[in-house]
């Protein structure tokens, strides 16, 4: 194994595996075990129903250390605020389509961007997945193509599939990366940009505030799929601020 592959494999433990609203602690433990099998260590929990838990520890087997190092957040937005690439699992069709990847494509996207970006993989609740608002925080959605006659997939199984694909992609990747000249905007910076644009659009009465239809969702989709960098975000926000200043004069 060459130095480059070693470096990619070492970076796997920086990828955030984010479990949102997990109901059964056993799934947290099983997910931790799946992560450790593939070289991932960064477990993030958003409002788990029960944690810490003896059940989670038992199901984790030799991955108890993953649970001990897990971080807990109140919201997904807080959990991924410092991430530039956020990929959320989704089993539902949306009225406004979002960029969809299969597990292999998501793995290739992670490996391609891992040296330059902080990455999070987000998994939803066992019974209803992620909300539309939570999915809106993601740059891409990943769909695991299960049999439609029995599409229900255990949370830990979903984690295992995606982290396996990323590890395989890390082992097989040999192409040089094209490094960007400016670091990409993280989730928090992108959210501030989106909110600033919405503020400006309201000021100029660009849309009916009581009936925005799908406008704001499409604006969000545009910025999330654009992989906008920090300088570009600052340019947009500087433009918005200048327009607002002119409007007050």
Protein backbone atom coordinates (compact mmCIF):
# COMPACT_ATOMS: atom_id res chain seq x y z
CA UNK A 1 0.00 0.00 0.00
CA UNK A 2 1.48 3.37 -1.02
CA UNK A 3 1.70 6.53 1.09
CA UNK A 4 -1.28 8.10 -0.62
CA UNK A 5 -3.57 5.21 0.26
CA UNK A 6 -2.25 5.27 3.80
CA UNK A 7 -3.12 8.96 4.03
CA UNK A 8 -6.67 8.41 2.75
CA UNK A 9 -7.26 5.57 5.18
CA UNK A 10 -5.96 7.70 8.04
CA UNK A 11 -8.44 10.42 7.08
CA UNK A 12 -11.42 8.07 7.48
CA UNK A 13 -11.42 8.62 11.22
CA UNK A 14 -12.13 12.33 10.62
CA UNK A 15 -15.44 11.63 8.82
CA UNK A 16 -18.44 12.32 11.05
CA UNK A 17 -21.00 9.52 11.21
CA UNK A 18 -24.07 11.38 12.43
CA UNK A 19 -27.08 9.49 13.83
CA UNK A 20 -30.17 11.66 14.26
CA UNK A 21 -32.88 10.89 16.81
CA UNK A 22 -31.90 7.24 17.23
CA UNK A 23 -34.66 5.41 19.15
CA UNK A 24 -33.02 2.11 20.05
CA UNK A 25 -29.60 2.26 21.79
CA UNK A 26 -28.71 -1.13 20.33
CA UNK A 27 -28.58 0.48 16.90
CA UNK A 28 -26.05 3.02 18.19
CA UNK A 29 -23.83 0.21 19.45
CA UNK A 30 -24.14 -1.80 16.24
CA UNK A 31 -23.36 1.32 14.18
CA UNK A 32 -20.23 1.92 16.28
CA UNK A 33 -19.11 -1.64 15.59
CA UNK A 34 -19.68 -1.17 11.84
CA UNK A 35 -17.68 2.05 11.94
CA UNK A 36 -14.70 0.53 13.73
CA UNK A 37 -14.65 -2.40 11.29
CA UNK A 38 -13.99 0.06 8.47
CA UNK A 39 -11.65 2.49 10.25
CA UNK A 40 -14.13 5.23 11.22
CA UNK A 41 -14.08 6.67 14.73
CA UNK A 42 -16.05 9.93 14.84
CA UNK A 43 -19.58 9.11 16.05
CA UNK A 44 -21.97 12.05 16.43
CA UNK A 45 -25.40 11.68 18.05
CA UNK A 46 -28.21 14.20 17.65
CA UNK A 47 -30.91 13.92 20.34
CA UNK A 48 -30.61 10.16 20.95
CA UNK A 49 -33.57 8.81 22.90
CA UNK A 50 -31.34 6.74 25.22
CA UNK A 51 -27.59 7.24 25.59
CA UNK A 52 -25.33 6.27 27.31
CA UNK A 53 -26.74 2.77 27.48
CA UNK A 54 -25.62 -0.69 28.55
CA UNK A 55 -27.46 -2.06 25.53
CA UNK A 56 -25.42 0.15 23.19
CA UNK A 57 -22.20 -0.96 24.88
CA UNK A 58 -23.16 -4.64 24.57
CA UNK A 59 -24.03 -4.33 20.88
CA UNK A 60 -20.82 -2.44 20.12
CA UNK A 61 -18.66 -5.46 21.09
CA UNK A 62 -15.04 -4.21 20.84
CA UNK A 63 -16.08 -0.72 19.72
CA UNK A 64 -16.80 0.58 23.22
CA UNK A 65 -14.17 3.28 22.71
CA UNK A 66 -16.19 4.71 19.80
CA UNK A 67 -19.16 5.16 22.14
CA UNK A 68 -17.02 6.71 24.86
CA UNK A 69 -15.73 9.34 22.43
CA UNK A 70 -19.15 10.06 20.87
CA UNK A 71 -20.33 13.68 20.79
CA UNK A 72 -23.95 14.68 21.41
CA UNK A 73 -25.74 17.69 19.88
CA UNK A 74 -29.23 19.12 20.17
CA UNK A 75 -29.66 19.79 16.44
CA UNK A 76 -28.23 18.51 13.17
CA UNK A 77 -27.31 22.06 12.17
CA UNK A 78 -25.03 22.30 15.21
CA UNK A 79 -23.55 18.86 14.52
CA UNK A 80 -22.48 19.65 10.94
CA UNK A 81 -21.80 23.39 11.28
CA UNK A 82 -18.06 22.96 10.57
CA UNK A 83 -18.51 20.54 7.63
CA UNK A 84 -18.17 21.51 3.98
CA UNK A 85 -19.57 18.23 2.59
CA UNK A 86 -22.72 16.77 4.16
CA UNK A 87 -24.37 13.67 2.68
CA UNK A 88 -27.73 12.59 4.09
CA UNK A 89 -29.46 9.24 3.67
CA UNK A 90 -32.90 9.52 2.11
CA UNK A 91 -35.47 6.91 1.12
CA UNK A 92 -38.10 9.42 0.01
CA UNK A 93 -38.84 11.32 -3.16
CA UNK A 94 -38.98 15.10 -2.74
CA UNK A 95 -41.23 17.56 -4.54
CA UNK A 96 -38.10 19.55 -5.35
CA UNK A 97 -35.44 17.00 -6.46
CA UNK A 98 -32.06 17.07 -4.71
CA UNK A 99 -28.80 15.69 -6.12
CA UNK A 100 -29.04 11.93 -5.44
CA UNK A 101 -26.08 9.55 -5.20
CA UNK A 102 -25.96 5.80 -4.85
CA UNK A 103 -23.61 4.35 -2.18
CA UNK A 104 -20.69 3.94 -4.60
CA UNK A 105 -21.07 7.47 -5.96
CA UNK A 106 -21.29 8.88 -2.45
CA UNK A 107 -18.10 7.04 -1.51
CA UNK A 108 -16.28 8.42 -4.57
CA UNK A 109 -17.48 11.92 -3.69
CA UNK A 110 -16.22 11.57 -0.11
CA UNK A 111 -12.81 10.22 -1.14
CA UNK A 112 -12.40 12.91 -3.80
CA UNK A 113 -13.06 15.71 -1.31
CA UNK A 114 -11.78 14.22 1.95
CA UNK A 115 -8.29 15.76 1.88
CA UNK A 116 -9.75 19.27 1.54
CA UNK A 117 -13.12 19.11 3.31
CA UNK A 118 -14.66 18.12 6.61
CA UNK A 119 -17.22 15.43 5.81
CA UNK A 120 -20.37 14.19 7.53
CA UNK A 121 -22.61 11.23 6.68
CA UNK A 122 -26.05 11.69 8.21
CA UNK A 123 -28.48 8.90 9.08
CA UNK A 124 -32.07 9.52 10.17
CA UNK A 125 -34.51 8.06 12.63
CA UNK A 126 -35.35 4.36 12.39
CA UNK A 127 -39.05 4.95 11.74
CA UNK A 128 -39.13 8.11 9.61
CA UNK A 129 -35.63 9.09 8.55
CA UNK A 130 -34.62 12.74 8.28
CA UNK A 131 -37.02 15.67 8.11
CA UNK A 132 -37.14 17.90 5.04
CA UNK A 133 -35.41 20.62 7.05
CA UNK A 134 -32.59 18.23 8.00
CA UNK A 135 -32.24 16.99 4.43
CA UNK A 136 -32.02 20.62 3.38
CA UNK A 137 -28.74 20.93 5.30
CA UNK A 138 -27.15 18.29 3.04
CA UNK A 139 -25.19 18.88 -0.17
CA UNK A 140 -26.23 15.49 -1.52
CA UNK A 141 -28.65 12.73 -0.65
CA UNK A 142 -27.66 9.08 -0.85
CA UNK A 143 -30.20 6.38 -1.58
CA UNK A 144 -29.48 2.70 -0.94
CA UNK A 145 -31.35 0.79 -3.69
CA UNK A 146 -33.17 -1.84 -1.64
CA UNK A 147 -35.90 -4.13 -2.98
CA UNK A 148 -39.11 -2.05 -3.13
CA UNK A 149 -41.08 -5.01 -1.78
CA UNK A 150 -39.09 -4.80 1.46
CA UNK A 151 -37.18 -1.54 1.55
CA UNK A 152 -36.81 -1.22 5.33
CA UNK A 153 -33.10 -1.24 6.22
CA UNK A 154 -31.69 -1.43 9.72
CA UNK A 155 -29.79 1.71 10.75
CA UNK A 156 -26.53 -0.12 11.47
CA UNK A 157 -26.80 -1.96 8.15
CA UNK A 158 -27.10 1.35 6.33
CA UNK A 159 -24.04 2.66 8.17
CA UNK A 160 -22.11 -0.51 7.30
CA UNK A 161 -22.93 -0.23 3.59
CA UNK A 162 -21.76 3.37 3.28
CA UNK A 163 -18.60 3.13 5.38
CA UNK A 164 -17.63 -0.06 3.51
CA UNK A 165 -18.02 1.69 0.15
CA UNK A 166 -15.90 4.61 1.35
CA UNK A 167 -13.15 2.30 2.57
CA UNK A 168 -13.12 0.43 -0.75
CA UNK A 169 -12.97 3.74 -2.65
CA UNK A 170 -10.10 4.87 -0.42
CA UNK A 171 -8.15 1.70 -1.18
CA UNK A 172 -8.71 1.96 -4.94
CA UNK A 173 -8.22 5.71 -5.39
CA UNK A 174 -4.97 6.50 -7.20
CA UNK A 175 -5.71 9.74 -9.07
CA UNK A 176 -4.18 13.05 -8.10
CA UNK A 177 -6.59 15.53 -6.52
CA UNK A 178 -7.19 18.95 -8.02
CA UNK A 179 -6.92 21.17 -4.96
CA UNK A 180 -9.09 24.27 -4.80
CA UNK A 181 -7.34 27.59 -4.19
CA UNK A 182 -9.70 28.64 -1.36
CA UNK A 183 -11.24 26.49 1.35
CA UNK A 184 -14.89 25.64 0.81
CA UNK A 185 -17.62 27.26 2.88
CA UNK A 186 -18.79 25.06 5.74
CA UNK A 187 -22.43 24.45 6.64
CA UNK A 188 -22.62 27.36 9.05
CA UNK A 189 -21.20 29.80 6.50
CA UNK A 190 -23.52 28.52 3.79
CA UNK A 191 -26.54 28.81 6.06
CA UNK A 192 -25.60 32.43 6.85
CA UNK A 193 -25.37 33.14 3.12
CA UNK A 194 -28.76 31.56 2.40
CA UNK A 195 -30.38 33.49 5.26
CA UNK A 196 -28.79 36.72 4.07
CA UNK A 197 -30.15 36.21 0.55
CA UNK A 198 -33.60 35.46 1.95
CA UNK A 199 -33.44 38.66 4.03
CA UNK A 200 -32.60 40.67 0.92
CA UNK A 201 -35.32 39.03 -1.18
CA UNK A 202 -37.87 39.93 1.48
CA UNK A 203 -36.64 43.54 1.57
CA UNK A 204 -37.13 43.97 -2.19
CA UNK A 205 -40.44 42.03 -2.04
CA UNK A 206 -39.09 39.47 -4.47
CA UNK A 207 -41.61 36.87 -3.30
CA UNK A 208 -44.80 36.58 -1.28
CA UNK A 209 -43.60 35.91 2.27
CA UNK A 210 -46.91 34.20 3.12
CA UNK A 211 -46.68 31.96 0.07
CA UNK A 212 -43.04 31.35 -0.92
CA UNK A 213 -43.95 28.10 -2.68
CA UNK A 214 -40.72 26.23 -3.50
CA UNK A 215 -38.56 29.31 -4.09
CA UNK A 216 -36.54 29.14 -0.87
CA UNK A 217 -36.00 25.41 -1.23
CA UNK A 218 -34.65 25.89 -4.74
CA UNK A 219 -32.34 28.67 -3.57
CA UNK A 220 -31.08 26.35 -0.84
CA UNK A 221 -30.58 23.51 -3.31
CA UNK A 222 -28.56 25.78 -5.60
CA UNK A 223 -26.08 26.80 -2.90
CA UNK A 224 -25.83 23.32 -1.39
CA UNK A 225 -24.93 21.65 -4.67
CA UNK A 226 -22.56 24.44 -5.74
CA UNK A 227 -19.76 23.61 -3.27
CA UNK A 228 -19.30 27.35 -2.86
CA UNK A 229 -15.99 28.44 -1.34
CA UNK A 230 -15.42 30.97 1.44
CA UNK A 231 -14.37 33.79 -0.90
CA UNK A 232 -17.39 33.26 -3.14
CA UNK A 233 -19.69 33.27 -0.11
CA UNK A 234 -18.12 36.52 1.07
CA UNK A 235 -18.56 38.08 -2.38
CA UNK A 236 -22.27 37.22 -2.40
CA UNK A 237 -22.76 38.49 1.15
CA UNK A 238 -20.84 41.68 0.34
CA UNK A 239 -23.10 42.22 -2.67
CA UNK A 240 -26.23 41.63 -0.60
CA UNK A 241 -25.01 44.05 2.10
CA UNK A 242 -24.25 46.73 -0.49
CA UNK A 243 -27.72 46.41 -2.02
CA UNK A 244 -29.28 46.65 1.45
CA UNK A 245 -27.23 49.78 2.17
CA UNK A 246 -28.40 51.37 -1.09
CA UNK A 247 -32.00 50.54 -0.28
CA UNK A 248 -31.77 52.45 3.01
CA UNK A 249 -30.47 55.59 1.32
